[in-house]
Protein backbone atom coordinates (compact mmCIF):
# COMPACT_ATOMS: atom_id res chain seq x y z
CA UNK A 1 -17.64 92.18 13.74
CA UNK A 2 -17.31 88.58 14.83
CA UNK A 3 -18.11 87.74 18.43
CA UNK A 4 -15.70 85.28 19.99
CA UNK A 5 -17.66 82.84 22.16
CA UNK A 6 -14.87 82.09 24.64
CA UNK A 7 -14.03 85.78 25.09
CA UNK A 8 -17.72 86.59 25.61
CA UNK A 9 -18.12 83.91 28.29
CA UNK A 10 -14.88 84.99 30.00
CA UNK A 11 -16.15 88.57 30.02
CA UNK A 12 -19.46 87.50 31.61
CA UNK A 13 -17.61 85.41 34.20
CA UNK A 14 -15.31 88.28 35.10
CA UNK A 15 -18.01 90.98 35.23
CA UNK A 16 -20.35 88.95 37.40
CA UNK A 17 -17.72 87.45 39.73
CA UNK A 18 -18.83 83.93 38.89
CA UNK A 19 -16.68 80.99 39.95
CA UNK A 20 -16.70 78.94 36.77
CA UNK A 21 -17.15 78.94 33.04
CA UNK A 22 -20.23 76.72 33.48
CA UNK A 23 -21.90 79.36 35.64
CA UNK A 24 -21.12 82.07 33.07
CA UNK A 25 -22.58 79.91 30.29
CA UNK A 26 -25.76 79.41 32.34
CA UNK A 27 -26.04 83.15 33.05
CA UNK A 28 -25.56 83.92 29.35
CA UNK A 29 -28.11 81.32 28.24
CA UNK A 30 -30.68 82.49 30.78
CA UNK A 31 -30.27 86.16 29.89
CA UNK A 32 -30.22 85.70 26.12
CA UNK A 33 -33.25 83.40 26.17
CA UNK A 34 -35.15 85.93 28.26
CA UNK A 35 -34.04 88.74 25.97
CA UNK A 36 -35.38 86.77 22.99
CA UNK A 37 -38.80 86.72 24.66
CA UNK A 38 -38.73 90.49 25.18
CA UNK A 39 -37.66 91.58 21.68
CA UNK A 40 -39.38 90.91 18.37
CA UNK A 41 -38.61 87.72 16.47
CA UNK A 42 -37.06 89.76 13.67
CA UNK A 43 -34.76 91.55 16.08
CA UNK A 44 -33.79 88.24 17.72
CA UNK A 45 -32.97 86.81 14.29
CA UNK A 46 -30.84 89.84 13.41
CA UNK A 47 -29.04 89.59 16.72
CA UNK A 48 -28.45 85.85 16.29
CA UNK A 49 -26.74 86.48 12.95
CA UNK A 50 -24.07 88.50 14.76
CA UNK A 51 -23.39 85.89 17.44
CA UNK A 52 -21.52 82.59 17.43
CA UNK A 53 -23.77 79.52 17.23
CA UNK A 54 -23.47 78.80 20.95
CA UNK A 55 -24.99 82.21 21.76
CA UNK A 56 -27.28 82.45 18.73
CA UNK A 57 -29.06 79.27 19.81
CA UNK A 58 -30.08 80.97 23.06
CA UNK A 59 -31.47 83.99 21.22
CA UNK A 60 -33.52 81.96 18.75
CA UNK A 61 -35.26 79.54 21.13
CA UNK A 62 -38.48 81.58 21.32
CA UNK A 63 -40.71 80.98 18.30
CA UNK A 64 -43.30 83.71 18.92
CA UNK A 65 -43.35 86.55 16.39
CA UNK A 66 -44.07 89.43 18.73
CA UNK A 67 -42.26 90.53 21.83
CA UNK A 68 -43.75 89.87 25.23
CA UNK A 69 -44.13 92.95 27.37
CA UNK A 70 -42.68 92.59 30.84
CA UNK A 71 -40.72 94.82 33.21
CA UNK A 72 -37.04 94.72 34.02
CA UNK A 73 -37.93 93.14 37.37
CA UNK A 74 -39.79 90.31 35.62
CA UNK A 75 -36.82 89.92 33.24
CA UNK A 76 -34.53 89.34 36.24
CA UNK A 77 -37.07 86.98 37.83
CA UNK A 78 -37.17 84.87 34.66
CA UNK A 79 -33.38 84.68 34.59
CA UNK A 80 -33.39 83.77 38.27
CA UNK A 81 -35.89 80.94 37.64
CA UNK A 82 -33.83 79.60 34.73
CA UNK A 83 -30.65 79.67 36.83
CA UNK A 84 -32.36 77.84 39.70
CA UNK A 85 -33.65 75.16 37.33
CA UNK A 86 -30.39 74.62 35.44
CA UNK A 87 -27.55 75.00 37.92
CA UNK A 88 -26.51 75.51 41.51
CA UNK A 89 -25.73 79.13 40.65
CA UNK A 90 -26.70 81.63 43.35
CA UNK A 91 -29.76 83.02 41.60
CA UNK A 92 -30.05 85.72 44.27
CA UNK A 93 -27.49 87.59 42.16
CA UNK A 94 -29.42 87.20 38.90
CA UNK A 95 -29.55 90.99 38.45
CA UNK A 96 -25.74 91.10 38.43
CA UNK A 97 -25.65 88.20 35.96
CA UNK A 98 -28.12 89.95 33.64
CA UNK A 99 -26.11 93.15 33.77
CA UNK A 100 -22.86 91.29 33.02
CA UNK A 101 -24.38 89.52 30.01
CA UNK A 102 -26.07 92.61 28.57
CA UNK A 103 -22.98 94.77 29.02
CA UNK A 104 -20.85 92.06 27.40
CA UNK A 105 -23.35 91.88 24.56
CA UNK A 106 -23.31 95.65 24.09
CA UNK A 107 -19.53 95.54 23.67
CA UNK A 108 -19.52 92.45 21.45
CA UNK A 109 -21.96 93.55 18.75
CA UNK A 110 -21.87 96.69 16.64
CA UNK A 111 -23.29 99.89 18.04
CA UNK A 112 -26.24 100.05 15.62
CA UNK A 113 -27.37 96.53 16.44
CA UNK A 114 -27.15 97.25 20.18
CA UNK A 115 -29.23 100.44 19.68
CA UNK A 116 -31.79 98.40 17.78
CA UNK A 117 -32.05 95.87 20.63
CA UNK A 118 -32.25 98.64 23.24
CA UNK A 119 -34.97 100.45 21.30
CA UNK A 120 -37.29 97.52 22.03
CA UNK A 121 -36.73 97.71 25.77
CA UNK A 122 -38.56 100.15 28.06
CA UNK A 123 -36.57 102.74 30.00
CA UNK A 124 -36.64 100.69 33.23
CA UNK A 125 -34.24 98.25 31.55
CA UNK A 126 -31.48 100.87 31.58
CA UNK A 127 -30.32 99.73 35.00
CA UNK A 128 -29.67 96.27 33.51
CA UNK A 129 -27.20 97.40 30.89
CA UNK A 130 -25.74 100.73 31.91
CA UNK A 131 -22.50 100.57 33.81
CA UNK A 132 -22.56 102.66 36.95
């Protein structure tokens, strides 16, 4: 399955009620970079292979081999910090942005790859990618 970059960004923008494509790109970059810190390097590389270059670059920025262990709350805090540093995006809604990106990702890649990514996340991350 090939992930269409423009469709992915439009999906993130729509799901998170963002006002512009630029904001959706920032939310996607922040979330995917943080995800790359939380999953193993091998998993990040596998995920990057299934994404267009614009998204793959965000997933492969972290050079450490092993995953960092941090909670879902810390995940959102890291995304919030990135958003504050890179845009005027309302980072108070970072949890909504994370959820929009992860749900878009879960629909864009094949089911087995998404399961593989999820298997590296603790159960408290469920609230970040499960639609209510």
